[in-house]
Amino acid sequence: MSKQLPATAIIFVEGAGTNLVPLHPAPWRPIVITFNAELEVIASDGERRVIGAGEVVLVEDTTGKGHITKVLGDKLGLIFVRID
């Protein structure tokens, strides 16, 4: 079990897939939970990661150039939990 983290907001995102979000840093430090989406995340240094449906990721990319996010497939279903 992890230590308790303070959550200040929970945001649900649903929609069509094949979205591309250009290079950006995370606006705040979120935990991202994918419930029916698969995402490809490309870091500013070129590193690529695929995050599958059901995965939970802590995003700490809040400074610098950031990352590109691409939805793979035709569904987008995410939960952002803002932690401070």
PDB file of N, CA and C in Angstrom:
ATOM      1  N   MET A   1       0.849  -1.164   0.000  1.00  0.00           N
ATOM      2  CA  MET A   1       0.000   0.000   0.000  1.00  0.00           C
ATOM      3  C   MET A   1       0.899   1.233   0.000  1.00  0.00           C
ATOM      4  N   SER A   2       0.525   2.218  -0.795  1.00  0.00           N
ATOM      5  CA  SER A   2       1.306   3.452  -0.847  1.00  0.00           C
ATOM      6  C   SER A   2       0.949   4.341   0.337  1.00  0.00           C
ATOM      7  N   LYS A   3       1.762   5.368   0.506  1.00  0.00           N
ATOM      8  CA  LYS A   3       1.395   6.358   1.513  1.00  0.00           C
ATOM      9  C   LYS A   3       0.196   7.149   1.004  1.00  0.00           C
ATOM     10  N   GLN A   4      -0.510   7.770   1.884  1.00  0.00           N
ATOM     11  CA  GLN A   4      -1.680   8.560   1.524  1.00  0.00           C
ATOM     12  C   GLN A   4      -1.240   9.835   0.816  1.00  0.00           C
ATOM     13  N   LEU A   5      -1.877  10.149  -0.313  1.00  0.00           N
ATOM     14  CA  LEU A   5      -1.568  11.354  -1.072  1.00  0.00           C
ATOM     15  C   LEU A   5      -2.765  12.302  -1.017  1.00  0.00           C
ATOM     16  N   PRO A   6      -2.515  13.610  -0.887  1.00  0.00           N
ATOM     17  CA  PRO A   6      -3.621  14.561  -0.834  1.00  0.00           C
ATOM     18  C   PRO A   6      -4.162  14.851  -2.237  1.00  0.00           C
ATOM     19  N   ALA A   7      -5.400  14.511  -2.500  1.00  0.00           N
ATOM     20  CA  ALA A   7      -6.029  14.796  -3.790  1.00  0.00           C
ATOM     21  C   ALA A   7      -6.851  16.073  -3.673  1.00  0.00           C
ATOM     22  N   THR A   8      -6.672  16.986  -4.645  1.00  0.00           N
ATOM     23  CA  THR A   8      -7.407  18.250  -4.608  1.00  0.00           C
ATOM     24  C   THR A   8      -8.467  18.348  -5.697  1.00  0.00           C
ATOM     25  N   ALA A   9      -8.457  17.417  -6.655  1.00  0.00           N
ATOM     26  CA  ALA A   9      -9.477  17.408  -7.708  1.00  0.00           C
ATOM     27  C   ALA A   9      -9.472  16.055  -8.399  1.00  0.00           C
ATOM     28  N   ILE A  10     -10.635  15.665  -8.902  1.00  0.00           N
ATOM     29  CA  ILE A  10     -10.765  14.471  -9.730  1.00  0.00           C
ATOM     30  C   ILE A  10     -11.487  14.900 -11.000  1.00  0.00           C
ATOM     31  N   ILE A  11     -10.899  14.583 -12.155  1.00  0.00           N
ATOM     32  CA  ILE A  11     -11.457  14.995 -13.438  1.00  0.00           C
ATOM     33  C   ILE A  11     -11.664  13.752 -14.302  1.00  0.00           C
ATOM     34  N   PHE A  12     -12.884  13.573 -14.804  1.00  0.00           N
ATOM     35  CA  PHE A  12     -13.208  12.464 -15.697  1.00  0.00           C
ATOM     36  C   PHE A  12     -13.198  12.985 -17.131  1.00  0.00           C
ATOM     37  N   VAL A  13     -12.547  12.251 -18.032  1.00  0.00           N
ATOM     38  CA  VAL A  13     -12.466  12.646 -19.438  1.00  0.00           C
ATOM     39  C   VAL A  13     -12.938  11.475 -20.296  1.00  0.00           C
ATOM     40  N   GLU A  14     -13.932  11.722 -21.146  1.00  0.00           N
ATOM     41  CA  GLU A  14     -14.413  10.709 -22.080  1.00  0.00           C
ATOM     42  C   GLU A  14     -14.606  11.349 -23.437  1.00  0.00           C
ATOM     43  N   GLY A  15     -14.391  10.576 -24.491  1.00  0.00           N
ATOM     44  CA  GLY A  15     -14.619  11.108 -25.825  1.00  0.00           C
ATOM     45  C   GLY A  15     -14.114  10.162 -26.888  1.00  0.00           C
ATOM     46  N   ALA A  16     -14.016  10.702 -28.093  1.00  0.00           N
ATOM     47  CA  ALA A  16     -13.514   9.928 -29.221  1.00  0.00           C
ATOM     48  C   ALA A  16     -12.000   9.833 -29.144  1.00  0.00           C
ATOM     49  N   GLY A  17     -11.469   8.804 -29.727  1.00  0.00           N
ATOM     50  CA  GLY A  17     -10.021   8.601 -29.720  1.00  0.00           C
ATOM     51  C   GLY A  17      -9.322   9.363 -30.825  1.00  0.00           C
ATOM     52  N   THR A  18      -8.115   8.955 -31.116  1.00  0.00           N
ATOM     53  CA  THR A  18      -7.215   9.538 -32.112  1.00  0.00           C
ATOM     54  C   THR A  18      -6.933  11.013 -31.853  1.00  0.00           C
ATOM     55  N   ASN A  19      -7.024  11.439 -30.611  1.00  0.00           N
ATOM     56  CA  ASN A  19      -6.653  12.803 -30.243  1.00  0.00           C
ATOM     57  C   ASN A  19      -5.141  12.899 -30.114  1.00  0.00           C
ATOM     58  N   LEU A  20      -4.592  14.026 -30.498  1.00  0.00           N
ATOM     59  CA  LEU A  20      -3.167  14.286 -30.343  1.00  0.00           C
ATOM     60  C   LEU A  20      -3.028  15.598 -29.589  1.00  0.00           C
ATOM     61  N   VAL A  21      -2.347  15.557 -28.461  1.00  0.00           N
ATOM     62  CA  VAL A  21      -2.090  16.771 -27.690  1.00  0.00           C
ATOM     63  C   VAL A  21      -0.631  17.133 -27.926  1.00  0.00           C
ATOM     64  N   PRO A  22      -0.344  18.296 -28.547  1.00  0.00           N
ATOM     65  CA  PRO A  22       1.029  18.683 -28.852  1.00  0.00           C
ATOM     66  C   PRO A  22       1.893  18.797 -27.593  1.00  0.00           C
ATOM     67  N   LEU A  23       3.162  18.995 -27.807  1.00  0.00           N
ATOM     68  CA  LEU A  23       4.150  19.074 -26.730  1.00  0.00           C
ATOM     69  C   LEU A  23       3.681  20.024 -25.630  1.00  0.00           C
ATOM     70  N   HIS A  24       3.638  19.524 -24.400  1.00  0.00           N
ATOM     71  CA  HIS A  24       3.158  20.315 -23.260  1.00  0.00           C
ATOM     72  C   HIS A  24       3.637  19.662 -21.965  1.00  0.00           C
ATOM     73  N   PRO A  25       3.919  20.457 -20.927  1.00  0.00           N
ATOM     74  CA  PRO A  25       4.137  19.865 -19.603  1.00  0.00           C
ATOM     75  C   PRO A  25       2.779  19.642 -18.935  1.00  0.00           C
ATOM     76  N   ALA A  26       2.730  18.750 -17.979  1.00  0.00           N
ATOM     77  CA  ALA A  26       1.501  18.568 -17.200  1.00  0.00           C
ATOM     78  C   ALA A  26       1.243  19.861 -16.421  1.00  0.00           C
ATOM     79  N   PRO A  27      -0.002  20.342 -16.380  1.00  0.00           N
ATOM     80  CA  PRO A  27      -0.290  21.597 -15.689  1.00  0.00           C
ATOM     81  C   PRO A  27      -0.154  21.501 -14.175  1.00  0.00           C
ATOM     82  N   TRP A  28      -0.240  20.270 -13.655  1.00  0.00           N
ATOM     83  CA  TRP A  28      -0.056  19.972 -12.243  1.00  0.00           C
ATOM     84  C   TRP A  28       0.291  18.499 -12.143  1.00  0.00           C
ATOM     85  N   ARG A  29       0.576  18.029 -10.981  1.00  0.00           N
ATOM     86  CA  ARG A  29       1.031  16.648 -10.768  1.00  0.00           C
ATOM     87  C   ARG A  29      -0.186  15.727 -10.621  1.00  0.00           C
ATOM     88  N   PRO A  30      -0.533  14.967 -11.693  1.00  0.00           N
ATOM     89  CA  PRO A  30      -1.698  14.092 -11.589  1.00  0.00           C
ATOM     90  C   PRO A  30      -1.337  12.610 -11.524  1.00  0.00           C
ATOM     91  N   ILE A  31      -2.241  11.854 -10.965  1.00  0.00           N
ATOM     92  CA  ILE A  31      -2.269  10.415 -11.180  1.00  0.00           C
ATOM     93  C   ILE A  31      -3.263  10.223 -12.316  1.00  0.00           C
ATOM     94  N   VAL A  32      -2.855   9.506 -13.365  1.00  0.00           N
ATOM     95  CA  VAL A  32      -3.720   9.261 -14.517  1.00  0.00           C
ATOM     96  C   VAL A  32      -4.143   7.799 -14.490  1.00  0.00           C
ATOM     97  N   ILE A  33      -5.445   7.573 -14.562  1.00  0.00           N
ATOM     98  CA  ILE A  33      -6.001   6.223 -14.590  1.00  0.00           C
ATOM     99  C   ILE A  33      -6.708   6.071 -15.932  1.00  0.00           C
ATOM    100  N   THR A  34      -6.260   5.126 -16.742  1.00  0.00           N
ATOM    101  CA  THR A  34      -6.910   4.881 -18.029  1.00  0.00           C
ATOM    102  C   THR A  34      -7.922   3.767 -17.845  1.00  0.00           C
ATOM    103  N   PHE A  35      -9.185   4.008 -18.205  1.00  0.00           N
ATOM    104  CA  PHE A  35     -10.161   2.936 -18.015  1.00  0.00           C
ATOM    105  C   PHE A  35     -10.639   2.305 -19.310  1.00  0.00           C
ATOM    106  N   ASN A  36     -10.534   2.950 -20.441  1.00  0.00           N
ATOM    107  CA  ASN A  36     -10.823   2.271 -21.701  1.00  0.00           C
ATOM    108  C   ASN A  36     -10.005   2.859 -22.844  1.00  0.00           C
ATOM    109  N   ALA A  37      -8.884   3.449 -22.519  1.00  0.00           N
ATOM    110  CA  ALA A  37      -8.059   4.087 -23.537  1.00  0.00           C
ATOM    111  C   ALA A  37      -6.655   3.500 -23.512  1.00  0.00           C
ATOM    112  N   GLU A  38      -6.004   3.585 -24.650  1.00  0.00           N
ATOM    113  CA  GLU A  38      -4.588   3.270 -24.725  1.00  0.00           C
ATOM    114  C   GLU A  38      -3.914   4.535 -25.234  1.00  0.00           C
ATOM    115  N   LEU A  39      -2.883   4.970 -24.539  1.00  0.00           N
ATOM    116  CA  LEU A  39      -2.199   6.215 -24.868  1.00  0.00           C
ATOM    117  C   LEU A  39      -0.756   5.948 -25.244  1.00  0.00           C
ATOM    118  N   GLU A  40      -0.246   6.726 -26.184  1.00  0.00           N
ATOM    119  CA  GLU A  40       1.186   6.758 -26.440  1.00  0.00           C
ATOM    120  C   GLU A  40       1.670   8.110 -25.938  1.00  0.00           C
ATOM    121  N   VAL A  41       2.676   8.089 -25.086  1.00  0.00           N
ATOM    122  CA  VAL A  41       3.251   9.314 -24.540  1.00  0.00           C
ATOM    123  C   VAL A  41       4.681   9.401 -25.050  1.00  0.00           C
ATOM    124  N   ILE A  42       5.022  10.540 -25.652  1.00  0.00           N
ATOM    125  CA  ILE A  42       6.350  10.749 -26.223  1.00  0.00           C
ATOM    126  C   ILE A  42       7.005  11.897 -25.467  1.00  0.00           C
ATOM    127  N   ALA A  43       8.085  11.586 -24.755  1.00  0.00           N
ATOM    128  CA  ALA A  43       8.807  12.608 -23.989  1.00  0.00           C
ATOM    129  C   ALA A  43       9.586  13.519 -24.936  1.00  0.00           C
ATOM    130  N   SER A  44       9.977  14.684 -24.445  1.00  0.00           N
ATOM    131  CA  SER A  44      10.701  15.644 -25.285  1.00  0.00           C
ATOM    132  C   SER A  44      12.051  15.105 -25.745  1.00  0.00           C
ATOM    133  N   ASP A  45      12.588  14.081 -25.058  1.00  0.00           N
ATOM    134  CA  ASP A  45      13.852  13.469 -25.491  1.00  0.00           C
ATOM    135  C   ASP A  45      13.635  12.325 -26.485  1.00  0.00           C
ATOM    136  N   GLY A  46      12.370  12.079 -26.885  1.00  0.00           N
ATOM    137  CA  GLY A  46      12.062  11.044 -27.864  1.00  0.00           C
ATOM    138  C   GLY A  46      11.636   9.709 -27.283  1.00  0.00           C
ATOM    139  N   GLU A  47      11.778   9.519 -25.970  1.00  0.00           N
ATOM    140  CA  GLU A  47      11.358   8.262 -25.352  1.00  0.00           C
ATOM    141  C   GLU A  47       9.849   8.097 -25.510  1.00  0.00           C
ATOM    142  N   ARG A  48       9.440   6.875 -25.883  1.00  0.00           N
ATOM    143  CA  ARG A  48       8.020   6.578 -26.102  1.00  0.00           C
ATOM    144  C   ARG A  48       7.558   5.512 -25.127  1.00  0.00           C
ATOM    145  N   ARG A  49       6.351   5.698 -24.612  1.00  0.00           N
ATOM    146  CA  ARG A  49       5.728   4.697 -23.739  1.00  0.00           C
ATOM    147  C   ARG A  49       4.271   4.559 -24.123  1.00  0.00           C
ATOM    148  N   VAL A  50       3.778   3.335 -24.059  1.00  0.00           N
ATOM    149  CA  VAL A  50       2.358   3.083 -24.278  1.00  0.00           C
ATOM    150  C   VAL A  50       1.750   2.742 -22.927  1.00  0.00           C
ATOM    151  N   ILE A  51       0.672   3.426 -22.594  1.00  0.00           N
ATOM    152  CA  ILE A  51      -0.052   3.196 -21.342  1.00  0.00           C
ATOM    153  C   ILE A  51      -1.369   2.531 -21.721  1.00  0.00           C
ATOM    154  N   GLY A  52      -1.573   1.329 -21.234  1.00  0.00           N
ATOM    155  CA  GLY A  52      -2.751   0.553 -21.608  1.00  0.00           C
ATOM    156  C   GLY A  52      -3.943   0.807 -20.708  1.00  0.00           C
ATOM    157  N   ALA A  53      -5.092   0.347 -21.170  1.00  0.00           N
ATOM    158  CA  ALA A  53      -6.323   0.463 -20.385  1.00  0.00           C
ATOM    159  C   ALA A  53      -6.141  -0.223 -19.039  1.00  0.00           C
ATOM    160  N   GLY A  54      -6.578   0.436 -17.986  1.00  0.00           N
ATOM    161  CA  GLY A  54      -6.472  -0.114 -16.640  1.00  0.00           C
ATOM    162  C   GLY A  54      -5.186   0.235 -15.914  1.00  0.00           C
ATOM    163  N   GLU A  55      -4.271   0.919 -16.573  1.00  0.00           N
ATOM    164  CA  GLU A  55      -3.009   1.287 -15.921  1.00  0.00           C
ATOM    165  C   GLU A  55      -3.163   2.589 -15.137  1.00  0.00           C
ATOM    166  N   VAL A  56      -2.299   2.738 -14.154  1.00  0.00           N
ATOM    167  CA  VAL A  56      -2.273   3.923 -13.298  1.00  0.00           C
ATOM    168  C   VAL A  56      -0.863   4.490 -13.363  1.00  0.00           C
ATOM    169  N   VAL A  57      -0.753   5.795 -13.669  1.00  0.00           N
ATOM    170  CA  VAL A  57       0.552   6.427 -13.856  1.00  0.00           C
ATOM    171  C   VAL A  57       0.593   7.740 -13.080  1.00  0.00           C
ATOM    172  N   LEU A  58       1.686   7.966 -12.361  1.00  0.00           N
ATOM    173  CA  LEU A  58       1.927   9.261 -11.717  1.00  0.00           C
ATOM    174  C   LEU A  58       2.737  10.105 -12.686  1.00  0.00           C
ATOM    175  N   VAL A  59       2.206  11.250 -13.084  1.00  0.00           N
ATOM    176  CA  VAL A  59       2.881  12.132 -14.037  1.00  0.00           C
ATOM    177  C   VAL A  59       3.579  13.240 -13.259  1.00  0.00           C
ATOM    178  N   GLU A  60       4.897  13.327 -13.437  1.00  0.00           N
ATOM    179  CA  GLU A  60       5.661  14.361 -12.736  1.00  0.00           C
ATOM    180  C   GLU A  60       6.364  15.297 -13.714  1.00  0.00           C
ATOM    181  N   ASP A  61       5.932  15.278 -14.949  1.00  0.00           N
ATOM    182  CA  ASP A  61       6.496  16.085 -16.021  1.00  0.00           C
ATOM    183  C   ASP A  61       5.833  17.466 -16.015  1.00  0.00           C
ATOM    184  N   THR A  62       6.084  18.259 -14.976  1.00  0.00           N
ATOM    185  CA  THR A  62       5.398  19.546 -14.817  1.00  0.00           C
ATOM    186  C   THR A  62       6.251  20.751 -15.209  1.00  0.00           C
ATOM    187  N   THR A  63       7.493  20.525 -15.594  1.00  0.00           N
ATOM    188  CA  THR A  63       8.371  21.619 -16.016  1.00  0.00           C
ATOM    189  C   THR A  63       9.070  21.210 -17.309  1.00  0.00           C
ATOM    190  N   GLY A  64       9.728  22.150 -17.937  1.00  0.00           N
ATOM    191  CA  GLY A  64      10.457  21.849 -19.166  1.00  0.00           C
ATOM    192  C   GLY A  64       9.535  21.789 -20.373  1.00  0.00           C
ATOM    193  N   LYS A  65      10.013  21.138 -21.440  1.00  0.00           N
ATOM    194  CA  LYS A  65       9.257  21.071 -22.695  1.00  0.00           C
ATOM    195  C   LYS A  65       8.018  20.199 -22.582  1.00  0.00           C
ATOM    196  N   GLY A  66       8.083  19.158 -21.786  1.00  0.00           N
ATOM    197  CA  GLY A  66       6.914  18.314 -21.587  1.00  0.00           C
ATOM    198  C   GLY A  66       6.898  17.080 -22.461  1.00  0.00           C
ATOM    199  N   HIS A  67       5.701  16.716 -22.920  1.00  0.00           N
ATOM    200  CA  HIS A  67       5.495  15.467 -23.651  1.00  0.00           C
ATOM    201  C   HIS A  67       4.340  15.635 -24.641  1.00  0.00           C
ATOM    202  N   ILE A  68       4.264  14.722 -25.592  1.00  0.00           N
ATOM    203  CA  ILE A  68       3.162  14.647 -26.548  1.00  0.00           C
ATOM    204  C   ILE A  68       2.307  13.462 -26.129  1.00  0.00           C
ATOM    205  N   THR A  69       0.999  13.612 -26.186  1.00  0.00           N
ATOM    206  CA  THR A  69       0.090  12.517 -25.849  1.00  0.00           C
ATOM    207  C   THR A  69      -0.774  12.203 -27.061  1.00  0.00           C
ATOM    208  N   LYS A  70      -0.846  10.916 -27.406  1.00  0.00           N
ATOM    209  CA  LYS A  70      -1.676  10.474 -28.526  1.00  0.00           C
ATOM    210  C   LYS A  70      -2.576   9.345 -28.044  1.00  0.00           C
ATOM    211  N   VAL A  71      -3.864   9.464 -28.326  1.00  0.00           N
ATOM    212  CA  VAL A  71      -4.813   8.403 -27.998  1.00  0.00           C
ATOM    213  C   VAL A  71      -4.770   7.378 -29.124  1.00  0.00           C
ATOM    214  N   LEU A  72      -4.518   6.124 -28.776  1.00  0.00           N
ATOM    215  CA  LEU A  72      -4.499   5.045 -29.757  1.00  0.00           C
ATOM    216  C   LEU A  72      -5.868   4.374 -29.745  1.00  0.00           C
ATOM    217  N   GLY A  73      -6.475   4.247 -30.870  1.00  0.00           N
ATOM    218  CA  GLY A  73      -7.799   3.639 -30.922  1.00  0.00           C
ATOM    219  C   GLY A  73      -8.893   4.681 -31.015  1.00  0.00           C
ATOM    220  N   ASP A  74     -10.125   4.224 -30.815  1.00  0.00           N
ATOM    221  CA  ASP A  74     -11.268   5.104 -31.038  1.00  0.00           C
ATOM    222  C   ASP A  74     -11.985   5.535 -29.767  1.00  0.00           C
ATOM    223  N   LYS A  75     -11.404   5.236 -28.602  1.00  0.00           N
ATOM    224  CA  LYS A  75     -12.038   5.619 -27.334  1.00  0.00           C
ATOM    225  C   LYS A  75     -11.048   6.377 -26.456  1.00  0.00           C
ATOM    226  N   LEU A  76     -11.589   7.301 -25.689  1.00  0.00           N
ATOM    227  CA  LEU A  76     -10.793   8.025 -24.703  1.00  0.00           C
ATOM    228  C   LEU A  76     -11.541   7.976 -23.386  1.00  0.00           C
ATOM    229  N   GLY A  77     -10.956   7.355 -22.399  1.00  0.00           N
ATOM    230  CA  GLY A  77     -11.547   7.293 -21.076  1.00  0.00           C
ATOM    231  C   GLY A  77     -10.455   7.369 -20.026  1.00  0.00           C
ATOM    232  N   LEU A  78     -10.371   8.507 -19.352  1.00  0.00           N
ATOM    233  CA  LEU A  78      -9.308   8.760 -18.374  1.00  0.00           C
ATOM    234  C   LEU A  78      -9.893   9.373 -17.114  1.00  0.00           C
ATOM    235  N   ILE A  79      -9.181   9.168 -16.038  1.00  0.00           N
ATOM    236  CA  ILE A  79      -9.455   9.886 -14.794  1.00  0.00           C
ATOM    237  C   ILE A  79      -8.149  10.548 -14.380  1.00  0.00           C
ATOM    238  N   PHE A  80      -8.194  11.857 -14.147  1.00  0.00           N
ATOM    239  CA  PHE A  80      -7.053  12.591 -13.605  1.00  0.00           C
ATOM    240  C   PHE A  80      -7.335  12.860 -12.134  1.00  0.00           C
ATOM    241  N   VAL A  81      -6.410  12.492 -11.277  1.00  0.00           N
ATOM    242  CA  VAL A  81      -6.506  12.806  -9.852  1.00  0.00           C
ATOM    243  C   VAL A  81      -5.380  13.786  -9.560  1.00  0.00           C
ATOM    244  N   ARG A  82      -5.750  15.025  -9.278  1.00  0.00           N
ATOM    245  CA  ARG A  82      -4.740  16.054  -9.002  1.00  0.00           C
ATOM    246  C   ARG A  82      -4.229  15.877  -7.583  1.00  0.00           C
ATOM    247  N   ILE A  83      -2.911  15.762  -7.469  1.00  0.00           N
ATOM    248  CA  ILE A  83      -2.300  15.670  -6.144  1.00  0.00           C
ATOM    249  C   ILE A  83      -1.330  16.829  -5.982  1.00  0.00           C
ATOM    250  N   ASP A  84      -1.207  17.310  -4.780  1.00  0.00           N
ATOM    251  CA  ASP A  84      -0.301  18.435  -4.502  1.00  0.00           C
ATOM    252  C   ASP A  84       0.705  18.064  -3.446  1.00  0.00           C
TER     253      ASP A  84
END
